[in-house]
PDB file of N, CA and C in Angstrom:
ATOM      1  N   MET A   1     -59.121  -8.690  63.581  1.00  0.00           N
ATOM      2  CA  MET A   1     -59.062  -8.870  62.468  1.00  0.00           C
ATOM      3  C   MET A   1     -57.898  -8.424  62.278  1.00  0.00           C
ATOM      4  N   VAL A   2     -57.088  -9.414  61.204  1.00  0.00           N
ATOM      5  CA  VAL A   2     -55.166  -9.155  61.546  1.00  0.00           C
ATOM      6  C   VAL A   2     -54.535  -8.682  60.073  1.00  0.00           C
ATOM      7  N   PRO A   3     -54.164  -7.407  60.533  1.00  0.00           N
ATOM      8  CA  PRO A   3     -53.520  -6.836  59.200  1.00  0.00           C
ATOM      9  C   PRO A   3     -53.474  -7.735  58.913  1.00  0.00           C
ATOM     10  N   LEU A   4     -52.736  -7.076  57.287  1.00  0.00           N
ATOM     11  CA  LEU A   4     -52.397  -7.594  56.003  1.00  0.00           C
ATOM     12  C   LEU A   4     -50.852  -7.573  56.361  1.00  0.00           C
ATOM     13  N   SER A   5     -50.235  -6.918  56.923  1.00  0.00           N
ATOM     14  CA  SER A   5     -48.653  -6.429  57.264  1.00  0.00           C
ATOM     15  C   SER A   5     -48.117  -8.219  57.754  1.00  0.00           C
ATOM     16  N   TYR A   6     -49.203  -8.190  58.720  1.00  0.00           N
ATOM     17  CA  TYR A   6     -48.454  -9.608  59.447  1.00  0.00           C
ATOM     18  C   TYR A   6     -48.339 -10.822  58.661  1.00  0.00           C
ATOM     19  N   TYR A   7     -49.355 -11.437  57.809  1.00  0.00           N
ATOM     20  CA  TYR A   7     -49.446 -11.536  56.963  1.00  0.00           C
ATOM     21  C   TYR A   7     -48.449 -12.019  56.395  1.00  0.00           C
ATOM     22  N   LEU A   8     -47.376 -10.626  55.557  1.00  0.00           N
ATOM     23  CA  LEU A   8     -46.839 -10.249  54.415  1.00  0.00           C
ATOM     24  C   LEU A   8     -45.122 -10.940  55.287  1.00  0.00           C
ATOM     25  N   VAL A   9     -45.273 -10.180  56.776  1.00  0.00           N
ATOM     26  CA  VAL A   9     -44.253 -10.683  57.191  1.00  0.00           C
ATOM     27  C   VAL A   9     -43.723 -12.045  57.660  1.00  0.00           C
ATOM     28  N   LEU A  10     -44.825 -12.472  57.741  1.00  0.00           N
ATOM     29  CA  LEU A  10     -44.893 -14.284  57.754  1.00  0.00           C
ATOM     30  C   LEU A  10     -44.538 -14.913  56.569  1.00  0.00           C
ATOM     31  N   SER A  11     -45.332 -14.752  55.410  1.00  0.00           N
ATOM     32  CA  SER A  11     -45.362 -15.000  53.859  1.00  0.00           C
ATOM     33  C   SER A  11     -43.145 -14.801  53.422  1.00  0.00           C
ATOM     34  N   GLY A  12     -42.650 -13.273  54.143  1.00  0.00           N
ATOM     35  CA  GLY A  12     -41.704 -13.212  53.534  1.00  0.00           C
ATOM     36  C   GLY A  12     -40.458 -14.204  54.721  1.00  0.00           C
ATOM     37  N   ILE A  13     -40.918 -14.379  55.975  1.00  0.00           N
ATOM     38  CA  ILE A  13     -40.350 -15.492  57.231  1.00  0.00           C
ATOM     39  C   ILE A  13     -40.243 -16.547  56.236  1.00  0.00           C
ATOM     40  N   LEU A  14     -41.003 -17.670  55.909  1.00  0.00           N
ATOM     41  CA  LEU A  14     -41.438 -18.852  55.163  1.00  0.00           C
ATOM     42  C   LEU A  14     -40.626 -18.677  54.161  1.00  0.00           C
ATOM     43  N   PHE A  15     -40.206 -17.688  53.179  1.00  0.00           N
ATOM     44  CA  PHE A  15     -39.632 -17.752  51.764  1.00  0.00           C
ATOM     45  C   PHE A  15     -38.077 -17.165  52.189  1.00  0.00           C
ATOM     46  N   THR A  16     -37.882 -16.879  52.771  1.00  0.00           N
ATOM     47  CA  THR A  16     -36.536 -16.618  53.052  1.00  0.00           C
ATOM     48  C   THR A  16     -35.836 -17.787  54.048  1.00  0.00           C
ATOM     49  N   CYS A  17     -36.667 -18.299  55.319  1.00  0.00           N
ATOM     50  CA  CYS A  17     -36.468 -20.030  55.752  1.00  0.00           C
ATOM     51  C   CYS A  17     -36.430 -20.845  54.027  1.00  0.00           C
ATOM     52  N   GLY A  18     -37.214 -20.414  53.002  1.00  0.00           N
ATOM     53  CA  GLY A  18     -36.901 -21.813  52.151  1.00  0.00           C
ATOM     54  C   GLY A  18     -35.415 -21.514  51.196  1.00  0.00           C
ATOM     55  N   VAL A  19     -35.468 -20.309  50.785  1.00  0.00           N
ATOM     56  CA  VAL A  19     -33.830 -19.719  50.322  1.00  0.00           C
ATOM     57  C   VAL A  19     -33.307 -20.166  50.907  1.00  0.00           C
ATOM     58  N   LEU A  20     -32.521 -19.840  52.624  1.00  0.00           N
ATOM     59  CA  LEU A  20     -31.671 -20.456  53.270  1.00  0.00           C
ATOM     60  C   LEU A  20     -31.824 -22.023  53.408  1.00  0.00           C
ATOM     61  N   GLY A  21     -32.792 -22.555  53.074  1.00  0.00           N
ATOM     62  CA  GLY A  21     -32.683 -24.076  53.210  1.00  0.00           C
ATOM     63  C   GLY A  21     -31.875 -24.500  52.048  1.00  0.00           C
ATOM     64  N   PHE A  22     -32.122 -23.987  50.917  1.00  0.00           N
ATOM     65  CA  PHE A  22     -32.227 -24.442  49.450  1.00  0.00           C
ATOM     66  C   PHE A  22     -30.451 -24.058  49.209  1.00  0.00           C
ATOM     67  N   LEU A  23     -30.019 -23.122  49.895  1.00  0.00           N
ATOM     68  CA  LEU A  23     -28.420 -22.469  49.570  1.00  0.00           C
ATOM     69  C   LEU A  23     -27.929 -22.839  50.103  1.00  0.00           C
ATOM     70  N   ILE A  24     -28.107 -23.584  51.649  1.00  0.00           N
ATOM     71  CA  ILE A  24     -26.947 -24.159  52.672  1.00  0.00           C
ATOM     72  C   ILE A  24     -27.136 -25.830  52.370  1.00  0.00           C
ATOM     73  N   LYS A  25     -28.210 -26.160  52.664  1.00  0.00           N
ATOM     74  CA  LYS A  25     -28.648 -27.668  52.597  1.00  0.00           C
ATOM     75  C   LYS A  25     -27.728 -28.393  51.651  1.00  0.00           C
ATOM     76  N   ARG A  26     -27.384 -29.357  51.333  1.00  0.00           N
ATOM     77  CA  ARG A  26     -26.857 -30.672  51.014  1.00  0.00           C
ATOM     78  C   ARG A  26     -27.404 -32.106  50.286  1.00  0.00           C
ATOM     79  N   ASN A  27     -28.884 -31.555  50.988  1.00  0.00           N
ATOM     80  CA  ASN A  27     -29.701 -32.871  51.266  1.00  0.00           C
ATOM     81  C   ASN A  27     -30.318 -32.797  49.835  1.00  0.00           C
ATOM     82  N   ILE A  28     -30.715 -34.025  48.544  1.00  0.00           N
ATOM     83  CA  ILE A  28     -31.588 -33.793  47.834  1.00  0.00           C
ATOM     84  C   ILE A  28     -33.212 -33.397  48.257  1.00  0.00           C
ATOM     85  N   ILE A  29     -33.307 -34.006  49.465  1.00  0.00           N
ATOM     86  CA  ILE A  29     -34.830 -33.775  50.175  1.00  0.00           C
ATOM     87  C   ILE A  29     -35.108 -32.308  50.588  1.00  0.00           C
ATOM     88  N   THR A  30     -34.051 -32.255  51.583  1.00  0.00           N
ATOM     89  CA  THR A  30     -34.111 -31.002  52.380  1.00  0.00           C
ATOM     90  C   THR A  30     -34.381 -29.997  51.146  1.00  0.00           C
ATOM     91  N   ILE A  31     -33.395 -30.259  49.993  1.00  0.00           N
ATOM     92  CA  ILE A  31     -33.781 -28.612  49.313  1.00  0.00           C
ATOM     93  C   ILE A  31     -34.949 -29.232  48.534  1.00  0.00           C
ATOM     94  N   PHE A  32     -35.490 -29.671  48.359  1.00  0.00           N
ATOM     95  CA  PHE A  32     -36.841 -30.568  47.593  1.00  0.00           C
ATOM     96  C   PHE A  32     -37.735 -29.443  48.582  1.00  0.00           C
ATOM     97  N   MET A  33     -37.921 -30.133  50.308  1.00  0.00           N
ATOM     98  CA  MET A  33     -38.886 -29.326  50.855  1.00  0.00           C
ATOM     99  C   MET A  33     -38.498 -28.094  50.835  1.00  0.00           C
ATOM    100  N   SER A  34     -37.312 -27.255  50.899  1.00  0.00           N
ATOM    101  CA  SER A  34     -37.240 -25.781  50.927  1.00  0.00           C
ATOM    102  C   SER A  34     -37.641 -25.039  49.970  1.00  0.00           C
ATOM    103  N   ILE A  35     -37.558 -25.902  48.532  1.00  0.00           N
ATOM    104  CA  ILE A  35     -38.726 -25.459  47.455  1.00  0.00           C
ATOM    105  C   ILE A  35     -39.885 -25.080  47.812  1.00  0.00           C
ATOM    106  N   GLU A  36     -40.665 -26.323  48.021  1.00  0.00           N
ATOM    107  CA  GLU A  36     -42.103 -26.374  48.726  1.00  0.00           C
ATOM    108  C   GLU A  36     -42.172 -24.925  49.496  1.00  0.00           C
ATOM    109  N   LEU A  37     -41.316 -24.971  50.701  1.00  0.00           N
ATOM    110  CA  LEU A  37     -41.624 -24.059  51.670  1.00  0.00           C
ATOM    111  C   LEU A  37     -41.993 -22.214  50.785  1.00  0.00           C
ATOM    112  N   MET A  38     -40.828 -22.206  50.317  1.00  0.00           N
ATOM    113  CA  MET A  38     -40.704 -20.958  48.973  1.00  0.00           C
ATOM    114  C   MET A  38     -42.421 -21.107  48.602  1.00  0.00           C
ATOM    115  N   LEU A  39     -43.023 -21.794  47.687  1.00  0.00           N
ATOM    116  CA  LEU A  39     -44.112 -21.696  47.298  1.00  0.00           C
ATOM    117  C   LEU A  39     -45.188 -21.574  47.763  1.00  0.00           C
ATOM    118  N   ASN A  40     -44.960 -21.935  49.289  1.00  0.00           N
ATOM    119  CA  ASN A  40     -46.336 -22.170  50.322  1.00  0.00           C
ATOM    120  C   ASN A  40     -45.958 -20.190  51.170  1.00  0.00           C
ATOM    121  N   GLY A  41     -44.789 -20.147  51.062  1.00  0.00           N
ATOM    122  CA  GLY A  41     -45.089 -18.771  51.224  1.00  0.00           C
ATOM    123  C   GLY A  41     -45.224 -17.834  50.323  1.00  0.00           C
ATOM    124  N   VAL A  42     -45.155 -17.668  49.197  1.00  0.00           N
ATOM    125  CA  VAL A  42     -45.858 -16.772  48.075  1.00  0.00           C
ATOM    126  C   VAL A  42     -47.040 -17.480  48.270  1.00  0.00           C
ATOM    127  N   ASN A  43     -47.794 -18.732  48.232  1.00  0.00           N
ATOM    128  CA  ASN A  43     -49.372 -18.413  48.435  1.00  0.00           C
ATOM    129  C   ASN A  43     -50.100 -18.074  49.440  1.00  0.00           C
ATOM    130  N   LEU A  44     -49.055 -17.815  50.402  1.00  0.00           N
ATOM    131  CA  LEU A  44     -49.737 -17.180  51.964  1.00  0.00           C
ATOM    132  C   LEU A  44     -49.709 -15.601  51.397  1.00  0.00           C
ATOM    133  N   SER A  45     -48.949 -14.949  50.993  1.00  0.00           N
ATOM    134  CA  SER A  45     -49.012 -13.605  50.377  1.00  0.00           C
ATOM    135  C   SER A  45     -49.661 -13.552  49.349  1.00  0.00           C
ATOM    136  N   PHE A  46     -50.057 -14.258  47.914  1.00  0.00           N
ATOM    137  CA  PHE A  46     -51.715 -14.299  47.329  1.00  0.00           C
ATOM    138  C   PHE A  46     -52.790 -14.426  48.060  1.00  0.00           C
ATOM    139  N   VAL A  47     -52.725 -15.474  49.274  1.00  0.00           N
ATOM    140  CA  VAL A  47     -54.327 -15.799  49.913  1.00  0.00           C
ATOM    141  C   VAL A  47     -54.457 -14.397  50.626  1.00  0.00           C
ATOM    142  N   ALA A  48     -53.639 -13.923  51.266  1.00  0.00           N
ATOM    143  CA  ALA A  48     -53.790 -12.697  52.140  1.00  0.00           C
ATOM    144  C   ALA A  48     -54.159 -11.493  51.214  1.00  0.00           C
ATOM    145  N   PHE A  49     -53.374 -10.644  50.218  1.00  0.00           N
ATOM    146  CA  PHE A  49     -53.723  -9.571  49.490  1.00  0.00           C
ATOM    147  C   PHE A  49     -54.904 -10.177  48.685  1.00  0.00           C
ATOM    148  N   ALA A  50     -55.452 -11.338  48.602  1.00  0.00           N
ATOM    149  CA  ALA A  50     -56.917 -11.731  47.865  1.00  0.00           C
ATOM    150  C   ALA A  50     -58.201 -10.938  48.681  1.00  0.00           C
ATOM    151  N   ALA A  51     -57.522 -11.808  49.887  1.00  0.00           N
ATOM    152  CA  ALA A  51     -58.167 -11.527  51.445  1.00  0.00           C
ATOM    153  C   ALA A  51     -58.468  -9.803  51.402  1.00  0.00           C
ATOM    154  N   HIS A  52     -57.404  -9.521  51.042  1.00  0.00           N
ATOM    155  CA  HIS A  52     -57.560  -7.615  51.707  1.00  0.00           C
ATOM    156  C   HIS A  52     -58.167  -7.043  50.710  1.00  0.00           C
ATOM    157  N   TRP A  53     -58.427  -7.463  49.568  1.00  0.00           N
ATOM    158  CA  TRP A  53     -58.772  -6.696  48.438  1.00  0.00           C
ATOM    159  C   TRP A  53     -60.142  -7.199  48.130  1.00  0.00           C
ATOM    160  N   GLN A  54     -60.674  -8.212  49.145  1.00  0.00           N
ATOM    161  CA  GLN A  54     -61.788  -8.995  48.561  1.00  0.00           C
ATOM    162  C   GLN A  54     -62.345  -9.451  46.915  1.00  0.00           C
ATOM    163  N   ALA A  55     -60.702 -10.099  46.575  1.00  0.00           N
ATOM    164  CA  ALA A  55     -60.937 -10.548  45.519  1.00  0.00           C
ATOM    165  C   ALA A  55     -60.948 -12.368  45.179  1.00  0.00           C
ATOM    166  N   LEU A  56     -61.512 -12.723  44.215  1.00  0.00           N
ATOM    167  CA  LEU A  56     -61.288 -14.559  44.374  1.00  0.00           C
ATOM    168  C   LEU A  56     -59.594 -14.780  43.736  1.00  0.00           C
ATOM    169  N   SER A  57     -59.452 -13.750  42.760  1.00  0.00           N
ATOM    170  CA  SER A  57     -58.054 -14.152  41.444  1.00  0.00           C
ATOM    171  C   SER A  57     -57.001 -14.681  42.631  1.00  0.00           C
ATOM    172  N   GLY A  58     -56.948 -14.806  43.676  1.00  0.00           N
ATOM    173  CA  GLY A  58     -55.100 -14.893  44.717  1.00  0.00           C
ATOM    174  C   GLY A  58     -55.775 -16.066  44.628  1.00  0.00           C
ATOM    175  N   GLN A  59     -56.947 -16.553  45.352  1.00  0.00           N
ATOM    176  CA  GLN A  59     -57.107 -17.842  45.800  1.00  0.00           C
ATOM    177  C   GLN A  59     -57.296 -18.448  44.522  1.00  0.00           C
ATOM    178  N   VAL A  60     -57.782 -18.529  43.201  1.00  0.00           N
ATOM    179  CA  VAL A  60     -57.434 -19.393  42.262  1.00  0.00           C
ATOM    180  C   VAL A  60     -56.172 -19.091  41.599  1.00  0.00           C
ATOM    181  N   PHE A  61     -55.101 -18.409  41.808  1.00  0.00           N
ATOM    182  CA  PHE A  61     -54.359 -18.343  41.362  1.00  0.00           C
ATOM    183  C   PHE A  61     -53.104 -19.115  42.171  1.00  0.00           C
ATOM    184  N   VAL A  62     -53.798 -19.848  44.121  1.00  0.00           N
ATOM    185  CA  VAL A  62     -52.879 -20.273  44.872  1.00  0.00           C
ATOM    186  C   VAL A  62     -53.687 -21.687  44.194  1.00  0.00           C
ATOM    187  N   PHE A  63     -55.006 -21.921  44.052  1.00  0.00           N
ATOM    188  CA  PHE A  63     -54.622 -23.155  43.463  1.00  0.00           C
ATOM    189  C   PHE A  63     -54.359 -24.051  42.388  1.00  0.00           C
ATOM    190  N   PHE A  64     -54.185 -22.873  41.666  1.00  0.00           N
ATOM    191  CA  PHE A  64     -52.847 -23.475  40.552  1.00  0.00           C
ATOM    192  C   PHE A  64     -51.527 -23.892  40.830  1.00  0.00           C
ATOM    193  N   VAL A  65     -51.522 -22.866  41.117  1.00  0.00           N
ATOM    194  CA  VAL A  65     -49.658 -22.982  42.152  1.00  0.00           C
ATOM    195  C   VAL A  65     -49.822 -23.977  43.039  1.00  0.00           C
ATOM    196  N   MET A  66     -50.886 -25.066  43.463  1.00  0.00           N
ATOM    197  CA  MET A  66     -50.411 -25.890  43.885  1.00  0.00           C
ATOM    198  C   MET A  66     -50.705 -27.418  43.166  1.00  0.00           C
ATOM    199  N   VAL A  67     -51.603 -27.446  42.001  1.00  0.00           N
ATOM    200  CA  VAL A  67     -51.383 -28.157  41.569  1.00  0.00           C
ATOM    201  C   VAL A  67     -50.115 -28.513  40.579  1.00  0.00           C
ATOM    202  N   VAL A  68     -49.667 -27.374  40.237  1.00  0.00           N
ATOM    203  CA  VAL A  68     -48.063 -27.206  39.839  1.00  0.00           C
ATOM    204  C   VAL A  68     -47.193 -27.884  40.547  1.00  0.00           C
ATOM    205  N   ALA A  69     -47.476 -27.752  42.072  1.00  0.00           N
ATOM    206  CA  ALA A  69     -46.351 -28.187  43.582  1.00  0.00           C
ATOM    207  C   ALA A  69     -46.487 -29.709  43.315  1.00  0.00           C
ATOM    208  N   ALA A  70     -48.033 -30.141  43.012  1.00  0.00           N
ATOM    209  CA  ALA A  70     -48.488 -31.345  43.442  1.00  0.00           C
ATOM    210  C   ALA A  70     -47.813 -32.258  42.079  1.00  0.00           C
ATOM    211  N   ALA A  71     -47.718 -31.687  41.073  1.00  0.00           N
ATOM    212  CA  ALA A  71     -47.235 -32.451  39.722  1.00  0.00           C
ATOM    213  C   ALA A  71     -45.439 -32.471  40.151  1.00  0.00           C
ATOM    214  N   GLU A  72     -45.071 -31.342  40.522  1.00  0.00           N
ATOM    215  CA  GLU A  72     -43.789 -31.473  40.654  1.00  0.00           C
ATOM    216  C   GLU A  72     -43.739 -32.164  41.681  1.00  0.00           C
ATOM    217  N   THR A  73     -44.010 -32.466  42.636  1.00  0.00           N
ATOM    218  CA  THR A  73     -43.344 -32.986  43.811  1.00  0.00           C
ATOM    219  C   THR A  73     -43.213 -34.893  43.253  1.00  0.00           C
ATOM    220  N   ALA A  74     -44.277 -35.093  42.597  1.00  0.00           N
ATOM    221  CA  ALA A  74     -44.891 -36.704  41.928  1.00  0.00           C
ATOM    222  C   ALA A  74     -43.269 -36.818  40.617  1.00  0.00           C
ATOM    223  N   VAL A  75     -43.209 -35.813  40.413  1.00  0.00           N
ATOM    224  CA  VAL A  75     -41.862 -35.946  39.182  1.00  0.00           C
ATOM    225  C   VAL A  75     -40.963 -35.907  39.900  1.00  0.00           C
ATOM    226  N   GLY A  76     -40.370 -34.894  40.772  1.00  0.00           N
ATOM    227  CA  GLY A  76     -39.295 -34.380  41.729  1.00  0.00           C
ATOM    228  C   GLY A  76     -39.136 -35.873  42.800  1.00  0.00           C
ATOM    229  N   LEU A  77     -40.071 -36.254  43.243  1.00  0.00           N
ATOM    230  CA  LEU A  77     -39.271 -37.442  44.191  1.00  0.00           C
ATOM    231  C   LEU A  77     -39.343 -38.821  43.577  1.00  0.00           C
ATOM    232  N   ALA A  78     -40.110 -39.148  42.207  1.00  0.00           N
ATOM    233  CA  ALA A  78     -39.571 -40.045  41.629  1.00  0.00           C
ATOM    234  C   ALA A  78     -38.098 -40.180  40.390  1.00  0.00           C
ATOM    235  N   ILE A  79     -37.539 -38.752  40.942  1.00  0.00           N
ATOM    236  CA  ILE A  79     -36.515 -38.472  39.819  1.00  0.00           C
ATOM    237  C   ILE A  79     -35.412 -38.458  41.265  1.00  0.00           C
ATOM    238  N   ILE A  80     -35.768 -37.970  42.235  1.00  0.00           N
ATOM    239  CA  ILE A  80     -34.695 -38.256  43.448  1.00  0.00           C
ATOM    240  C   ILE A  80     -34.704 -39.931  43.988  1.00  0.00           C
ATOM    241  N   ILE A  81     -35.834 -40.574  43.849  1.00  0.00           N
ATOM    242  CA  ILE A  81     -35.689 -42.137  44.156  1.00  0.00           C
ATOM    243  C   ILE A  81     -34.817 -42.856  43.060  1.00  0.00           C
ATOM    244  N   ALA A  82     -35.036 -42.587  41.786  1.00  0.00           N
ATOM    245  CA  ALA A  82     -34.499 -42.669  40.845  1.00  0.00           C
ATOM    246  C   ALA A  82     -32.605 -42.493  41.027  1.00  0.00           C
ATOM    247  N   VAL A  83     -32.321 -41.387  41.100  1.00  0.00           N
ATOM    248  CA  VAL A  83     -31.350 -40.962  41.808  1.00  0.00           C
ATOM    249  C   VAL A  83     -30.209 -41.579  42.991  1.00  0.00           C
ATOM    250  N   PHE A  84     -31.040 -41.943  43.838  1.00  0.00           N
ATOM    251  CA  PHE A  84     -30.789 -42.732  44.763  1.00  0.00           C
ATOM    252  C   PHE A  84     -30.335 -44.622  44.641  1.00  0.00           C
ATOM    253  N   ARG A  85     -31.419 -44.881  43.753  1.00  0.00           N
ATOM    254  CA  ARG A  85     -31.146 -46.057  43.398  1.00  0.00           C
ATOM    255  C   ARG A  85     -29.898 -46.015  42.445  1.00  0.00           C
ATOM    256  N   THR A  86     -29.375 -45.014  41.886  1.00  0.00           N
ATOM    257  CA  THR A  86     -28.045 -45.431  41.058  1.00  0.00           C
ATOM    258  C   THR A  86     -26.813 -45.071  41.557  1.00  0.00           C
ATOM    259  N   ARG A  87     -27.049 -43.735  42.526  1.00  0.00           N
ATOM    260  CA  ARG A  87     -26.035 -43.484  43.117  1.00  0.00           C
ATOM    261  C   ARG A  87     -25.740 -44.038  44.576  1.00  0.00           C
ATOM    262  N   ALA A  88     -26.867 -44.584  45.068  1.00  0.00           N
ATOM    263  CA  ALA A  88     -27.417 -44.646  46.757  1.00  0.00           C
ATOM    264  C   ALA A  88     -26.419 -43.337  47.527  1.00  0.00           C
ATOM    265  N   THR A  89     -26.670 -42.018  47.302  1.00  0.00           N
ATOM    266  CA  THR A  89     -26.431 -41.427  47.921  1.00  0.00           C
ATOM    267  C   THR A  89     -27.743 -40.084  47.607  1.00  0.00           C
ATOM    268  N   LEU A  90     -27.960 -38.659  48.858  1.00  0.00           N
ATOM    269  CA  LEU A  90     -28.615 -37.700  48.124  1.00  0.00           C
ATOM    270  C   LEU A  90     -27.812 -36.728  48.782  1.00  0.00           C
ATOM    271  N   ASN A  91     -26.530 -36.958  48.667  1.00  0.00           N
ATOM    272  CA  ASN A  91     -25.955 -35.492  48.669  1.00  0.00           C
ATOM    273  C   ASN A  91     -25.680 -35.557  47.712  1.00  0.00           C
ATOM    274  N   VAL A  92     -25.984 -33.986  47.381  1.00  0.00           N
ATOM    275  CA  VAL A  92     -25.855 -32.723  45.702  1.00  0.00           C
ATOM    276  C   VAL A  92     -24.338 -32.985  44.946  1.00  0.00           C
ATOM    277  N   ASP A  93     -23.558 -32.841  46.285  1.00  0.00           N
ATOM    278  CA  ASP A  93     -22.188 -32.604  45.751  1.00  0.00           C
ATOM    279  C   ASP A  93     -21.679 -33.673  45.127  1.00  0.00           C
ATOM    280  N   HIS A  94     -22.266 -35.362  45.900  1.00  0.00           N
ATOM    281  CA  HIS A  94     -21.804 -36.303  44.804  1.00  0.00           C
ATOM    282  C   HIS A  94     -23.227 -36.858  44.011  1.00  0.00           C
ATOM    283  N   VAL A  95     -23.381 -36.224  43.730  1.00  0.00           N
ATOM    284  CA  VAL A  95     -24.555 -36.488  42.727  1.00  0.00           C
ATOM    285  C   VAL A  95     -24.516 -35.884  41.275  1.00  0.00           C
ATOM    286  N   ASN A  96     -23.337 -36.773  40.395  1.00  0.00           N
ATOM    287  CA  ASN A  96     -22.999 -35.613  39.421  1.00  0.00           C
ATOM    288  C   ASN A  96     -23.583 -36.584  37.845  1.00  0.00           C
ATOM    289  N   LEU A  97     -24.483 -36.830  37.636  1.00  0.00           N
ATOM    290  CA  LEU A  97     -25.142 -37.280  36.448  1.00  0.00           C
ATOM    291  C   LEU A  97     -24.966 -36.916  35.192  1.00  0.00           C
ATOM    292  N   LEU A  98     -24.531 -35.754  35.448  1.00  0.00           N
ATOM    293  CA  LEU A  98     -23.987 -34.761  33.970  1.00  0.00           C
ATOM    294  C   LEU A  98     -22.640 -34.848  33.309  1.00  0.00           C
ATOM    295  N   LYS A  99     -22.004 -35.265  34.538  1.00  0.00           N
ATOM    296  CA  LYS A  99     -20.584 -34.948  34.027  1.00  0.00           C
ATOM    297  C   LYS A  99     -20.294 -36.689  33.957  1.00  0.00           C
ATOM    298  N   LEU A 100     -18.894 -36.849  33.213  1.00  0.00           N
ATOM    299  CA  LEU A 100     -18.449 -38.170  32.268  1.00  0.00           C
ATOM    300  C   LEU A 100     -16.992 -38.483  33.448  1.00  0.00           C
TER     301      LEU A 100
END
């Protein structure tokens, strides 16, 4: 059996990679993928704790997080496509929709 600490370390690494990708990258798609990576890191820790405590609450919460992430993906990709069609770029620095 794999110890709980291994899962938590992997979860922390996934979350840290997501945060670094979110802060460093300038492409909207990469930022979007980094957010999903952070969500998956948190989901892994929920499942690890649920398996450690032999409770189903962690898996149920992960299911709801995945449902919200799927809805976020659908809406987010629609917004990204709309931004690309109007601005012809996916660089965050060049997309200034709220500025006049």
